């Protein structure tokens, strides 16, 4: 597990946190890569239990809840 990672949800212990929306947004991914970001959030199927962000894939939120 990742014990030290920047951005977003500091309580997330996932090694894949760099794929989560909270991390991506903290790094300005939505502004740097708007088309790619849009693809991550279009037709959302999962919501993060922690922050409420929605994503198409469960791998893009810290604590996914299926919508």
PDB file of N, CA and C in Angstrom:
ATOM      1  N   UNK A   1       0.828  -1.190   0.000  1.00  0.00           N
ATOM      2  CA  UNK A   1       0.000   0.000   0.000  1.00  0.00           C
ATOM      3  C   UNK A   1       0.870   1.251   0.000  1.00  0.00           C
ATOM      4  N   UNK A   2       0.329   2.268  -0.554  1.00  0.00           N
ATOM      5  CA  UNK A   2       1.049   3.537  -0.639  1.00  0.00           C
ATOM      6  C   UNK A   2       0.826   4.320   0.647  1.00  0.00           C
ATOM      7  N   UNK A   3       1.879   4.588   1.380  1.00  0.00           N
ATOM      8  CA  UNK A   3       1.747   5.329   2.634  1.00  0.00           C
ATOM      9  C   UNK A   3       1.914   6.827   2.462  1.00  0.00           C
ATOM     10  N   UNK A   4       2.506   7.242   1.349  1.00  0.00           N
ATOM     11  CA  UNK A   4       2.784   8.665   1.169  1.00  0.00           C
ATOM     12  C   UNK A   4       2.524   9.048  -0.290  1.00  0.00           C
ATOM     13  N   UNK A   5       1.421   9.725  -0.523  1.00  0.00           N
ATOM     14  CA  UNK A   5       1.136  10.192  -1.874  1.00  0.00           C
ATOM     15  C   UNK A   5       0.488  11.557  -1.807  1.00  0.00           C
ATOM     16  N   UNK A   6       0.791  12.399  -2.767  1.00  0.00           N
ATOM     17  CA  UNK A   6       0.228  13.751  -2.767  1.00  0.00           C
ATOM     18  C   UNK A   6      -1.170  13.792  -3.363  1.00  0.00           C
ATOM     19  N   UNK A   7      -1.878  14.825  -3.063  1.00  0.00           N
ATOM     20  CA  UNK A   7      -3.131  15.130  -3.753  1.00  0.00           C
ATOM     21  C   UNK A   7      -4.360  14.415  -3.256  1.00  0.00           C
ATOM     22  N   UNK A   8      -5.425  15.164  -3.140  1.00  0.00           N
ATOM     23  CA  UNK A   8      -6.740  14.591  -2.863  1.00  0.00           C
ATOM     24  C   UNK A   8      -6.876  13.947  -1.507  1.00  0.00           C
ATOM     25  N   UNK A   9      -7.492  12.797  -1.489  1.00  0.00           N
ATOM     26  CA  UNK A   9      -7.841  12.086  -0.273  1.00  0.00           C
ATOM     27  C   UNK A   9      -6.595  11.519   0.412  1.00  0.00           C
ATOM     28  N   UNK A  10      -6.161  12.129   1.471  1.00  0.00           N
ATOM     29  CA  UNK A  10      -4.957  11.695   2.186  1.00  0.00           C
ATOM     30  C   UNK A  10      -5.174  10.362   2.903  1.00  0.00           C
ATOM     31  N   UNK A  11      -6.433   9.952   3.105  1.00  0.00           N
ATOM     32  CA  UNK A  11      -6.733   8.700   3.783  1.00  0.00           C
ATOM     33  C   UNK A  11      -6.743   7.505   2.838  1.00  0.00           C
ATOM     34  N   UNK A  12      -6.691   7.746   1.553  1.00  0.00           N
ATOM     35  CA  UNK A  12      -6.700   6.656   0.573  1.00  0.00           C
ATOM     36  C   UNK A  12      -5.356   5.940   0.631  1.00  0.00           C
ATOM     37  N   UNK A  13      -5.390   4.642   0.828  1.00  0.00           N
ATOM     38  CA  UNK A  13      -4.168   3.847   0.942  1.00  0.00           C
ATOM     39  C   UNK A  13      -3.900   3.013  -0.307  1.00  0.00           C
ATOM     40  N   UNK A  14      -4.643   3.243  -1.352  1.00  0.00           N
ATOM     41  CA  UNK A  14      -4.495   2.473  -2.579  1.00  0.00           C
ATOM     42  C   UNK A  14      -3.188   2.790  -3.293  1.00  0.00           C
ATOM     43  N   UNK A  15      -2.540   1.755  -3.809  1.00  0.00           N
ATOM     44  CA  UNK A  15      -1.353   1.960  -4.636  1.00  0.00           C
ATOM     45  C   UNK A  15      -1.724   2.631  -5.950  1.00  0.00           C
ATOM     46  N   UNK A  16      -2.987   2.604  -6.294  1.00  0.00           N
ATOM     47  CA  UNK A  16      -3.485   3.156  -7.550  1.00  0.00           C
ATOM     48  C   UNK A  16      -4.089   4.554  -7.377  1.00  0.00           C
ATOM     49  N   UNK A  17      -3.771   5.228  -6.291  1.00  0.00           N
ATOM     50  CA  UNK A  17      -4.374   6.536  -6.006  1.00  0.00           C
ATOM     51  C   UNK A  17      -4.135   7.545  -7.126  1.00  0.00           C
ATOM     52  N   UNK A  18      -3.053   7.396  -7.845  1.00  0.00           N
ATOM     53  CA  UNK A  18      -2.752   8.343  -8.922  1.00  0.00           C
ATOM     54  C   UNK A  18      -3.771   8.273 -10.055  1.00  0.00           C
ATOM     55  N   UNK A  19      -4.639   7.261 -10.055  1.00  0.00           N
ATOM     56  CA  UNK A  19      -5.707   7.138 -11.055  1.00  0.00           C
ATOM     57  C   UNK A  19      -7.031   7.718 -10.562  1.00  0.00           C
ATOM     58  N   UNK A  20      -7.091   8.090  -9.296  1.00  0.00           N
ATOM     59  CA  UNK A  20      -8.339   8.572  -8.705  1.00  0.00           C
ATOM     60  C   UNK A  20      -8.579  10.043  -9.044  1.00  0.00           C
ATOM     61  N   UNK A  21      -9.843  10.387  -9.214  1.00  0.00           N
ATOM     62  CA  UNK A  21     -10.208  11.753  -9.610  1.00  0.00           C
ATOM     63  C   UNK A  21      -9.681  12.804  -8.638  1.00  0.00           C
ATOM     64  N   UNK A  22      -9.719  12.525  -7.343  1.00  0.00           N
ATOM     65  CA  UNK A  22      -9.241  13.538  -6.391  1.00  0.00           C
ATOM     66  C   UNK A  22      -7.762  13.845  -6.611  1.00  0.00           C
ATOM     67  N   UNK A  23      -6.963  12.818  -6.905  1.00  0.00           N
ATOM     68  CA  UNK A  23      -5.544  13.040  -7.204  1.00  0.00           C
ATOM     69  C   UNK A  23      -5.395  13.786  -8.521  1.00  0.00           C
ATOM     70  N   UNK A  24      -6.095  13.315  -9.546  1.00  0.00           N
ATOM     71  CA  UNK A  24      -5.983  13.929 -10.868  1.00  0.00           C
ATOM     72  C   UNK A  24      -6.377  15.404 -10.848  1.00  0.00           C
ATOM     73  N   UNK A  25      -7.455  15.727 -10.132  1.00  0.00           N
ATOM     74  CA  UNK A  25      -7.895  17.116 -10.052  1.00  0.00           C
ATOM     75  C   UNK A  25      -6.897  17.975  -9.273  1.00  0.00           C
ATOM     76  N   UNK A  26      -6.294  17.421  -8.232  1.00  0.00           N
ATOM     77  CA  UNK A  26      -5.323  18.188  -7.451  1.00  0.00           C
ATOM     78  C   UNK A  26      -4.078  18.507  -8.274  1.00  0.00           C
ATOM     79  N   UNK A  27      -3.860  17.737  -9.328  1.00  0.00           N
ATOM     80  CA  UNK A  27      -2.716  17.944 -10.201  1.00  0.00           C
ATOM     81  C   UNK A  27      -3.085  18.750 -11.455  1.00  0.00           C
ATOM     82  N   UNK A  28      -4.351  19.189 -11.556  1.00  0.00           N
ATOM     83  CA  UNK A  28      -4.790  19.989 -12.690  1.00  0.00           C
ATOM     84  C   UNK A  28      -5.034  19.185 -13.963  1.00  0.00           C
ATOM     85  N   UNK A  29      -5.220  17.871 -13.805  1.00  0.00           N
ATOM     86  CA  UNK A  29      -5.413  16.998 -14.964  1.00  0.00           C
ATOM     87  C   UNK A  29      -6.597  17.427 -15.824  1.00  0.00           C
ATOM     88  N   UNK A  30      -7.667  17.895 -15.184  1.00  0.00           N
ATOM     89  CA  UNK A  30      -8.871  18.299 -15.919  1.00  0.00           C
ATOM     90  C   UNK A  30      -8.602  19.479 -16.846  1.00  0.00           C
ATOM     91  N   UNK A  31      -7.703  20.366 -16.452  1.00  0.00           N
ATOM     92  CA  UNK A  31      -7.361  21.523 -17.288  1.00  0.00           C
ATOM     93  C   UNK A  31      -6.290  21.184 -18.324  1.00  0.00           C
ATOM     94  N   UNK A  32      -5.366  20.320 -17.959  1.00  0.00           N
ATOM     95  CA  UNK A  32      -4.281  19.945 -18.867  1.00  0.00           C
ATOM     96  C   UNK A  32      -4.746  18.966 -19.953  1.00  0.00           C
ATOM     97  N   UNK A  33      -5.715  18.123 -19.610  1.00  0.00           N
ATOM     98  CA  UNK A  33      -6.178  17.059 -20.513  1.00  0.00           C
ATOM     99  C   UNK A  33      -7.704  16.990 -20.512  1.00  0.00           C
ATOM    100  N   UNK A  34      -8.378  18.039 -20.958  1.00  0.00           N
ATOM    101  CA  UNK A  34      -9.840  18.081 -20.829  1.00  0.00           C
ATOM    102  C   UNK A  34     -10.569  16.933 -21.534  1.00  0.00           C
ATOM    103  N   UNK A  35     -10.125  16.525 -22.693  1.00  0.00           N
ATOM    104  CA  UNK A  35     -10.809  15.449 -23.400  1.00  0.00           C
ATOM    105  C   UNK A  35     -10.652  14.108 -22.679  1.00  0.00           C
ATOM    106  N   UNK A  36      -9.447  13.845 -22.197  1.00  0.00           N
ATOM    107  CA  UNK A  36      -9.209  12.603 -21.458  1.00  0.00           C
ATOM    108  C   UNK A  36      -9.985  12.599 -20.139  1.00  0.00           C
ATOM    109  N   UNK A  37     -10.017  13.756 -19.463  1.00  0.00           N
ATOM    110  CA  UNK A  37     -10.770  13.864 -18.214  1.00  0.00           C
ATOM    111  C   UNK A  37     -12.255  13.626 -18.465  1.00  0.00           C
ATOM    112  N   UNK A  38     -12.766  14.206 -19.533  1.00  0.00           N
ATOM    113  CA  UNK A  38     -14.179  14.028 -19.871  1.00  0.00           C
ATOM    114  C   UNK A  38     -14.502  12.550 -20.033  1.00  0.00           C
ATOM    115  N   UNK A  39     -13.613  11.803 -20.648  1.00  0.00           N
ATOM    116  CA  UNK A  39     -13.815  10.372 -20.815  1.00  0.00           C
ATOM    117  C   UNK A  39     -13.891   9.617 -19.495  1.00  0.00           C
ATOM    118  N   UNK A  40     -13.211  10.120 -18.474  1.00  0.00           N
ATOM    119  CA  UNK A  40     -13.236   9.465 -17.159  1.00  0.00           C
ATOM    120  C   UNK A  40     -14.553   9.691 -16.415  1.00  0.00           C
ATOM    121  N   UNK A  41     -15.204  10.823 -16.698  1.00  0.00           N
ATOM    122  CA  UNK A  41     -16.397  11.172 -15.918  1.00  0.00           C
ATOM    123  C   UNK A  41     -17.710  11.041 -16.687  1.00  0.00           C
ATOM    124  N   UNK A  42     -17.632  10.848 -18.014  1.00  0.00           N
ATOM    125  CA  UNK A  42     -18.859  10.680 -18.805  1.00  0.00           C
ATOM    126  C   UNK A  42     -19.544   9.374 -18.438  1.00  0.00           C
ATOM    127  N   UNK A  43     -20.854   9.381 -18.505  1.00  0.00           N
ATOM    128  CA  UNK A  43     -21.661   8.198 -18.190  1.00  0.00           C
ATOM    129  C   UNK A  43     -21.200   7.545 -16.874  1.00  0.00           C
ATOM    130  N   UNK A  44     -21.291   8.283 -15.784  1.00  0.00           N
ATOM    131  CA  UNK A  44     -20.796   7.769 -14.508  1.00  0.00           C
ATOM    132  C   UNK A  44     -21.554   6.525 -14.043  1.00  0.00           C
ATOM    133  N   UNK A  45     -20.798   5.580 -13.524  1.00  0.00           N
ATOM    134  CA  UNK A  45     -21.359   4.350 -12.975  1.00  0.00           C
ATOM    135  C   UNK A  45     -20.984   4.165 -11.506  1.00  0.00           C
ATOM    136  N   UNK A  46     -20.035   4.986 -11.016  1.00  0.00           N
ATOM    137  CA  UNK A  46     -19.573   4.870  -9.640  1.00  0.00           C
ATOM    138  C   UNK A  46     -19.434   6.250  -9.007  1.00  0.00           C
ATOM    139  N   UNK A  47     -19.665   6.297  -7.709  1.00  0.00           N
ATOM    140  CA  UNK A  47     -19.509   7.525  -6.931  1.00  0.00           C
ATOM    141  C   UNK A  47     -18.552   7.224  -5.789  1.00  0.00           C
ATOM    142  N   UNK A  48     -17.708   8.185  -5.457  1.00  0.00           N
ATOM    143  CA  UNK A  48     -16.797   8.021  -4.329  1.00  0.00           C
ATOM    144  C   UNK A  48     -17.563   8.274  -3.028  1.00  0.00           C
ATOM    145  N   UNK A  49     -17.483   7.328  -2.131  1.00  0.00           N
ATOM    146  CA  UNK A  49     -18.146   7.461  -0.829  1.00  0.00           C
ATOM    147  C   UNK A  49     -17.533   8.606  -0.013  1.00  0.00           C
ATOM    148  N   UNK A  50     -16.268   8.912  -0.278  1.00  0.00           N
ATOM    149  CA  UNK A  50     -15.569   9.953   0.484  1.00  0.00           C
ATOM    150  C   UNK A  50     -15.912  11.360   0.011  1.00  0.00           C
ATOM    151  N   UNK A  51     -15.762  11.620  -1.297  1.00  0.00           N
ATOM    152  CA  UNK A  51     -15.901  12.999  -1.782  1.00  0.00           C
ATOM    153  C   UNK A  51     -17.135  13.232  -2.653  1.00  0.00           C
ATOM    154  N   UNK A  52     -17.772  12.157  -3.112  1.00  0.00           N
ATOM    155  CA  UNK A  52     -18.980  12.308  -3.921  1.00  0.00           C
ATOM    156  C   UNK A  52     -18.726  12.461  -5.413  1.00  0.00           C
ATOM    157  N   UNK A  53     -17.459  12.497  -5.834  1.00  0.00           N
ATOM    158  CA  UNK A  53     -17.182  12.592  -7.271  1.00  0.00           C
ATOM    159  C   UNK A  53     -17.682  11.337  -7.965  1.00  0.00           C
ATOM    160  N   UNK A  54     -18.067  11.492  -9.231  1.00  0.00           N
ATOM    161  CA  UNK A  54     -18.551  10.347  -9.986  1.00  0.00           C
ATOM    162  C   UNK A  54     -17.628  10.071 -11.166  1.00  0.00           C
ATOM    163  N   UNK A  55     -17.528   8.786 -11.519  1.00  0.00           N
ATOM    164  CA  UNK A  55     -16.655   8.359 -12.604  1.00  0.00           C
ATOM    165  C   UNK A  55     -17.276   7.171 -13.323  1.00  0.00           C
ATOM    166  N   UNK A  56     -16.832   6.953 -14.532  1.00  0.00           N
ATOM    167  CA  UNK A  56     -17.318   5.819 -15.302  1.00  0.00           C
ATOM    168  C   UNK A  56     -16.767   4.499 -14.745  1.00  0.00           C
ATOM    169  N   UNK A  57     -15.553   4.518 -14.219  1.00  0.00           N
ATOM    170  CA  UNK A  57     -14.894   3.316 -13.736  1.00  0.00           C
ATOM    171  C   UNK A  57     -14.624   3.401 -12.230  1.00  0.00           C
ATOM    172  N   UNK A  58     -14.778   2.275 -11.546  1.00  0.00           N
ATOM    173  CA  UNK A  58     -14.515   2.215 -10.108  1.00  0.00           C
ATOM    174  C   UNK A  58     -13.059   2.526  -9.782  1.00  0.00           C
ATOM    175  N   UNK A  59     -12.159   2.259 -10.734  1.00  0.00           N
ATOM    176  CA  UNK A  59     -10.739   2.492 -10.473  1.00  0.00           C
ATOM    177  C   UNK A  59     -10.390   3.972 -10.390  1.00  0.00           C
ATOM    178  N   UNK A  60     -11.336   4.855 -10.704  1.00  0.00           N
ATOM    179  CA  UNK A  60     -11.050   6.289 -10.683  1.00  0.00           C
ATOM    180  C   UNK A  60     -11.605   7.019  -9.475  1.00  0.00           C
ATOM    181  N   UNK A  61     -12.047   6.277  -8.455  1.00  0.00           N
ATOM    182  CA  UNK A  61     -12.474   6.891  -7.203  1.00  0.00           C
ATOM    183  C   UNK A  61     -11.916   6.084  -6.036  1.00  0.00           C
ATOM    184  N   UNK A  62     -11.739   6.725  -4.899  1.00  0.00           N
ATOM    185  CA  UNK A  62     -11.109   6.070  -3.735  1.00  0.00           C
ATOM    186  C   UNK A  62     -11.990   4.989  -3.118  1.00  0.00           C
ATOM    187  N   UNK A  63     -13.249   5.301  -2.903  1.00  0.00           N
ATOM    188  CA  UNK A  63     -14.173   4.366  -2.255  1.00  0.00           C
ATOM    189  C   UNK A  63     -15.427   4.248  -3.115  1.00  0.00           C
ATOM    190  N   UNK A  64     -15.382   3.397  -4.150  1.00  0.00           N
ATOM    191  CA  UNK A  64     -16.482   3.337  -5.120  1.00  0.00           C
ATOM    192  C   UNK A  64     -17.768   2.729  -4.584  1.00  0.00           C
ATOM    193  N   UNK A  65     -18.860   3.393  -4.928  1.00  0.00           N
ATOM    194  CA  UNK A  65     -20.215   2.888  -4.683  1.00  0.00           C
ATOM    195  C   UNK A  65     -20.886   2.862  -6.037  1.00  0.00           C
ATOM    196  N   UNK A  66     -21.424   1.722  -6.421  1.00  0.00           N
ATOM    197  CA  UNK A  66     -22.073   1.623  -7.719  1.00  0.00           C
ATOM    198  C   UNK A  66     -23.355   2.443  -7.732  1.00  0.00           C
ATOM    199  N   UNK A  67     -23.547   3.202  -8.794  1.00  0.00           N
ATOM    200  CA  UNK A  67     -24.756   4.034  -8.932  1.00  0.00           C
ATOM    201  C   UNK A  67     -25.905   3.208  -9.469  1.00  0.00           C
TER     202      UNK A  67
END
